[in-house]
Protein backbone atom coordinates (compact mmCIF):
# COMPACT_ATOMS: atom_id res chain seq x y z
CA MET A 1 131.59 127.84 127.25
CA ASN A 2 130.12 128.37 130.70
CA MET A 3 132.29 126.23 133.31
CA ILE A 4 136.38 125.88 132.16
CA VAL A 5 138.91 123.82 134.74
CA LEU A 6 142.63 125.22 135.92
CA MET A 7 144.41 122.95 136.52
CA THR A 8 148.38 123.69 137.81
CA ALA A 9 151.08 123.76 135.25
CA ALA A 10 152.06 120.23 136.94
CA GLY A 11 148.23 119.59 135.68
CA ALA A 12 147.38 118.96 139.54
CA PRO A 13 143.14 119.91 139.51
CA LEU A 14 143.17 123.22 141.01
CA ALA A 15 139.73 125.40 139.89
CA MET A 16 136.44 125.14 138.10
CA LEU A 17 135.84 128.79 137.05
CA GLY A 18 132.07 128.91 136.63
CA LEU A 19 131.09 131.81 133.81
CA SER A 20 127.86 133.85 132.96
CA THR A 21 126.47 134.04 129.87
CA PRO A 22 124.06 137.15 129.65
CA VAL A 23 123.75 139.61 126.66
CA ALA A 24 127.76 141.38 127.18
CA PRO A 25 128.90 143.96 128.27
CA GLN A 26 127.90 142.20 131.74
CA ARG A 27 129.11 139.44 131.81
CA ASP A 28 130.53 137.97 135.89
CA CYS A 29 133.20 134.90 136.56
CA VAL A 30 133.52 132.85 140.03
CA PHE A 31 136.36 130.15 141.25
CA MET A 32 134.69 126.75 142.67
CA ILE A 33 137.04 124.66 144.12
CA HIS A 34 137.51 121.86 141.43
CA PRO A 35 136.44 118.41 143.83
CA GLN A 36 139.72 116.54 143.10
CA ILE A 37 141.42 118.89 144.29
CA THR A 38 144.54 117.74 147.30
CA SER A 39 145.46 120.34 149.63
CA ALA A 40 149.06 120.20 148.89
CA VAL A 41 147.08 122.21 145.38
CA PHE A 42 144.63 124.29 147.34
CA GLU A 43 147.17 125.64 150.26
CA SER A 44 150.51 126.10 146.73
CA LYS A 45 151.33 129.36 145.11
CA GLU A 46 148.74 128.98 142.98
CA GLY A 47 145.84 128.06 145.48
CA LYS A 48 146.47 131.11 147.59
CA ILE A 49 146.21 132.97 144.65
CA VAL A 50 142.95 131.43 142.64
CA PHE A 51 140.82 131.27 146.40
CA PRO A 52 142.35 133.97 148.49
CA ASP A 53 139.79 134.73 150.56
CA ARG A 54 136.50 134.10 150.11
CA PRO A 55 134.18 133.14 146.56
CA THR A 56 133.49 136.53 145.08
CA GLU A 57 132.38 137.30 141.52
CA TYR A 58 134.18 139.21 138.61
CA PRO A 59 133.76 140.79 135.67
CA TYR A 60 135.32 139.50 132.90
CA SER A 61 135.91 140.27 129.22
CA TYR A 62 135.65 137.41 126.67
CA ALA A 63 136.67 137.88 123.02
CA ARG A 64 135.49 135.11 120.54
CA MET A 65 138.67 134.80 117.77
CA LYS A 66 138.54 132.22 114.84
CA ASP A 67 141.56 129.84 116.89
CA GLY A 68 139.45 129.92 120.58
CA ALA A 69 138.91 132.40 122.79
CA ASP A 70 140.21 134.40 125.98
CA ILE A 71 139.12 135.50 129.12
CA ALA A 72 140.63 137.53 131.03
CA PHE A 73 139.49 139.86 135.05
CA THR A 74 141.01 140.57 137.58
CA ASN A 75 140.43 139.10 141.22
CA GLN A 76 140.18 140.79 144.48
CA ASN A 77 143.68 140.93 145.37
CA GLY A 78 144.77 142.47 142.42
CA TRP A 79 146.02 139.21 140.29
CA ARG A 80 144.91 139.84 136.66
CA PHE A 81 143.82 136.45 135.04
CA GLU A 82 144.53 135.01 131.31
CA VAL A 83 142.21 132.25 129.90
CA ARG A 84 143.02 131.21 126.70
CA ILE A 85 140.72 128.67 125.13
CA GLY A 86 141.95 126.94 121.64
CA ARG A 87 139.11 125.45 119.09
CA GLY A 88 139.90 122.01 120.76
CA ASP A 89 138.74 123.21 124.09
CA GLU A 90 142.18 122.96 125.30
CA GLY A 91 144.57 125.80 126.38
CA THR A 92 146.44 128.28 129.73
CA TRP A 93 146.22 130.19 132.24
CA LYS A 94 148.35 132.64 133.73
CA ALA A 95 147.83 135.14 136.42
CA SER A 96 150.40 138.21 136.87
CA LEU A 97 150.51 140.69 140.01
CA ALA A 98 153.62 143.35 139.56
CA ASP A 99 156.45 141.30 138.50
CA ASP A 100 155.31 137.89 140.05
CA ALA A 101 153.38 135.60 137.80
CA VAL A 102 151.57 131.74 137.65
CA SER A 103 150.92 129.74 135.38
CA GLY A 104 149.23 126.31 134.64
CA ARG A 105 147.14 124.29 131.42
CA ALA A 106 142.98 124.57 130.81
CA PHE A 107 140.21 123.12 129.50
CA SER A 108 136.70 123.81 128.60
CA PRO A 109 134.79 119.76 129.21
CA PHE A 110 131.83 121.16 127.48
CA GLY A 111 133.07 123.65 124.51
CA ASP A 112 132.61 127.12 123.67
CA ARG A 113 128.42 126.72 123.13
CA LYS A 114 128.57 130.55 122.80
């Protein structure tokens, strides 16, 4: 898995999460703007959380399980992201900070190729 597409809960394209795949323990990821994002989604709460300032690489954890994979990292504004991709290459994402949270759908268009 080297890319995950994040969408809002309503299914609007939001971002692509690019994942590096070097040998653990160091892995980094970076958000890229989805080419089909609208200005309304970019200015939404989800957009402001995913794209808070400038593109930044984040160290992430990757756990492969028999029913999929879990990716987790914290962005520069302290939002904790958790992405779960199931065996069918579809899943969910959630970002949380204190008592606030946003979530949406996710999928890995190229599957999990280690």
